[in-house]
Amino acid sequence: MTKILLSLHVLAAIIAIGPVTVAASMFPPAARRAAPTGVGTVALLHRICRVYAGVGLTVPLLGFATAAAMGVLGSGWLVTSIALTAAAAGILIAFVLPRQEELLGQLKGEQGVDRRSAARLAMFTGIFNLLWATVTVLMIVRPGSTTGA
């Protein structure tokens, strides 16, 4: 059962988090380049981020189930990964998605995109991506693991 849960957890991470990471990274430059009347690509990138953020909820759920099955819920690397995952989710919900909506609204209102807002969005997106990269490394390396990795 552990191998099935771990496989589902990894697949969910690849399928859900990958698209959010890529679409969120593409959003700021696409918004800066978009003409006020051409919001199709920017709107699509925002929709991808929203939909896959919801799908991404399966990643920690499967992660908790996997960790419980493996008996590692109290491990330091896992607790750190959980905290970083919570931080990444918080940044996505509190900063990335709202700023995407703000920039999209500016474009739909036929205004130009505020460059400072786009730069802040790019910064928050970078932090979000860095947190996920760190979680990924922790999941692979697992300090103190008995697997020899």
Protein backbone atom coordinates (compact mmCIF):
# COMPACT_ATOMS: atom_id res chain seq x y z
CA MET A 1 0.00 0.00 0.00
CA THR A 2 2.90 2.35 0.77
CA LYS A 3 4.26 2.08 -2.77
CA ILE A 4 0.85 2.87 -4.24
CA LEU A 5 0.41 5.91 -1.97
CA LEU A 6 3.93 7.13 -2.72
CA SER A 7 3.37 6.69 -6.46
CA LEU A 8 0.08 8.60 -6.29
CA HIS A 9 1.72 11.35 -4.22
CA VAL A 10 4.56 11.80 -6.71
CA LEU A 11 2.20 11.69 -9.70
CA ALA A 12 -0.09 14.25 -8.08
CA ALA A 13 2.88 16.52 -7.41
CA ILE A 14 4.05 16.31 -11.01
CA ILE A 15 0.60 16.69 -12.53
CA ALA A 16 -0.70 19.41 -10.20
CA ILE A 17 2.26 21.46 -9.03
CA GLY A 18 4.18 21.45 -12.32
CA PRO A 19 1.51 23.33 -14.30
CA VAL A 20 1.01 25.91 -11.53
CA THR A 21 4.75 26.53 -11.35
CA VAL A 22 5.11 26.95 -15.11
CA ALA A 23 1.92 28.97 -15.68
CA ALA A 24 2.64 31.26 -12.72
CA SER A 25 6.16 31.87 -14.04
CA MET A 26 4.84 32.67 -17.51
CA PHE A 27 2.14 35.05 -16.25
CA PRO A 28 4.15 38.22 -15.39
CA PRO A 29 6.00 38.48 -18.72
CA ALA A 30 2.84 37.58 -20.64
CA ALA A 31 0.93 40.29 -18.78
CA ARG A 32 3.65 42.86 -19.51
CA ARG A 33 3.59 41.99 -23.22
CA ALA A 34 -0.20 41.80 -23.57
CA ALA A 35 -2.04 44.56 -25.31
CA PRO A 36 -4.96 45.89 -23.28
CA THR A 37 -7.41 44.14 -25.60
CA GLY A 38 -5.49 40.86 -25.93
CA VAL A 39 -5.98 39.12 -22.62
CA GLY A 40 -6.59 35.56 -23.86
CA THR A 41 -3.19 34.09 -22.99
CA VAL A 42 -2.99 35.90 -19.66
CA ALA A 43 -6.51 34.76 -18.72
CA LEU A 44 -5.65 31.18 -19.66
CA LEU A 45 -2.49 31.22 -17.53
CA HIS A 46 -4.49 32.53 -14.56
CA ARG A 47 -7.12 29.85 -15.05
CA ILE A 48 -4.44 27.14 -15.17
CA CYS A 49 -3.00 28.45 -11.89
CA ARG A 50 -6.41 28.49 -10.18
CA VAL A 51 -7.56 25.08 -11.40
CA TYR A 52 -4.29 23.27 -10.72
CA ALA A 53 -3.95 24.96 -7.32
CA GLY A 54 -7.22 23.23 -6.41
CA VAL A 55 -6.02 19.93 -7.84
CA GLY A 56 -2.78 20.47 -5.92
CA LEU A 57 -4.63 19.92 -2.64
CA THR A 58 -4.31 16.20 -3.36
CA VAL A 59 -0.52 16.43 -3.00
CA PRO A 60 -0.37 17.09 0.76
CA LEU A 61 -3.33 14.79 1.40
CA LEU A 62 -1.57 11.91 -0.33
CA GLY A 63 1.67 13.00 1.33
CA PHE A 64 0.17 12.71 4.81
CA ALA A 65 -1.28 9.29 3.96
CA THR A 66 2.09 8.13 2.61
CA ALA A 67 4.01 9.47 5.62
CA ALA A 68 1.59 7.78 8.01
CA ALA A 69 1.94 4.48 6.16
CA MET A 70 5.74 4.81 6.26
CA GLY A 71 5.75 5.83 9.93
CA VAL A 72 7.73 9.03 9.34
CA LEU A 73 5.21 11.70 10.40
CA GLY A 74 7.55 12.99 13.13
CA SER A 75 10.69 13.17 11.00
CA GLY A 76 12.36 16.57 10.84
CA TRP A 77 12.65 16.60 7.05
CA LEU A 78 8.93 15.88 6.75
CA VAL A 79 7.90 18.52 9.29
CA THR A 80 10.09 21.02 7.42
CA SER A 81 8.53 19.96 4.11
CA ILE A 82 5.04 20.38 5.54
CA ALA A 83 5.90 23.88 6.80
CA LEU A 84 7.41 24.86 3.43
CA THR A 85 4.40 23.42 1.59
CA ALA A 86 2.07 25.45 3.80
CA ALA A 87 4.17 28.56 3.14
CA ALA A 88 4.07 27.93 -0.64
CA ALA A 89 0.29 27.45 -0.54
CA GLY A 90 -0.08 30.62 1.51
CA ILE A 91 1.98 32.63 -0.96
CA LEU A 92 -0.02 31.24 -3.88
CA ILE A 93 -3.36 32.02 -2.25
CA ALA A 94 -2.48 35.35 -0.62
CA PHE A 95 -0.12 36.91 -3.13
CA VAL A 96 0.18 35.18 -6.51
CA LEU A 97 -3.45 34.52 -7.46
CA PRO A 98 -4.80 37.90 -6.23
CA ARG A 99 -2.06 39.81 -8.05
CA GLN A 100 -2.74 37.83 -11.20
CA GLU A 101 -6.41 38.81 -10.92
CA GLU A 102 -5.41 42.43 -10.38
CA LEU A 103 -3.23 42.51 -13.49
CA LEU A 104 -5.87 40.68 -15.50
CA GLY A 105 -8.41 43.27 -14.38
CA GLN A 106 -6.10 46.04 -15.52
CA LEU A 107 -5.83 44.43 -18.93
CA LYS A 108 -9.57 43.82 -19.22
CA GLY A 109 -10.17 47.43 -18.23
CA GLU A 110 -8.06 48.36 -21.25
CA GLN A 111 -5.35 49.85 -19.09
CA GLY A 112 -1.71 49.13 -19.37
CA VAL A 113 -0.21 46.76 -16.84
CA ASP A 114 1.42 48.40 -13.84
CA ARG A 115 5.05 47.32 -14.18
CA ARG A 116 5.68 47.47 -10.43
CA SER A 117 2.74 45.14 -9.78
CA ALA A 118 4.03 42.76 -12.43
CA ALA A 119 7.50 42.85 -10.83
CA ARG A 120 6.05 42.11 -7.37
CA LEU A 121 4.03 39.26 -8.85
CA ALA A 122 7.21 37.87 -10.44
CA MET A 123 8.95 38.08 -7.05
CA PHE A 124 6.17 36.22 -5.22
CA THR A 125 6.04 33.64 -8.00
CA GLY A 126 9.79 33.11 -7.67
CA ILE A 127 9.46 32.60 -3.91
CA PHE A 128 6.61 30.13 -4.50
CA ASN A 129 8.74 28.20 -7.01
CA LEU A 130 11.79 28.24 -4.73
CA LEU A 131 9.74 26.81 -1.86
CA TRP A 132 8.48 23.97 -4.08
CA ALA A 133 11.99 23.27 -5.32
CA THR A 134 13.19 23.06 -1.71
CA VAL A 135 10.37 20.67 -0.80
CA THR A 136 11.24 18.52 -3.80
CA VAL A 137 14.89 18.32 -2.74
CA LEU A 138 13.88 17.44 0.83
CA MET A 139 11.60 14.69 -0.47
CA ILE A 140 14.44 13.21 -2.49
CA VAL A 141 17.32 13.63 -0.02
CA ARG A 142 15.40 13.03 3.22
CA PRO A 143 18.12 13.83 5.78
CA GLY A 144 18.51 11.01 8.25
CA SER A 145 16.79 8.55 5.94
CA THR A 146 17.67 4.90 6.21
CA THR A 147 17.43 4.36 2.45
CA GLY A 148 20.99 5.52 1.87
CA ALA A 149 19.93 8.36 -0.43
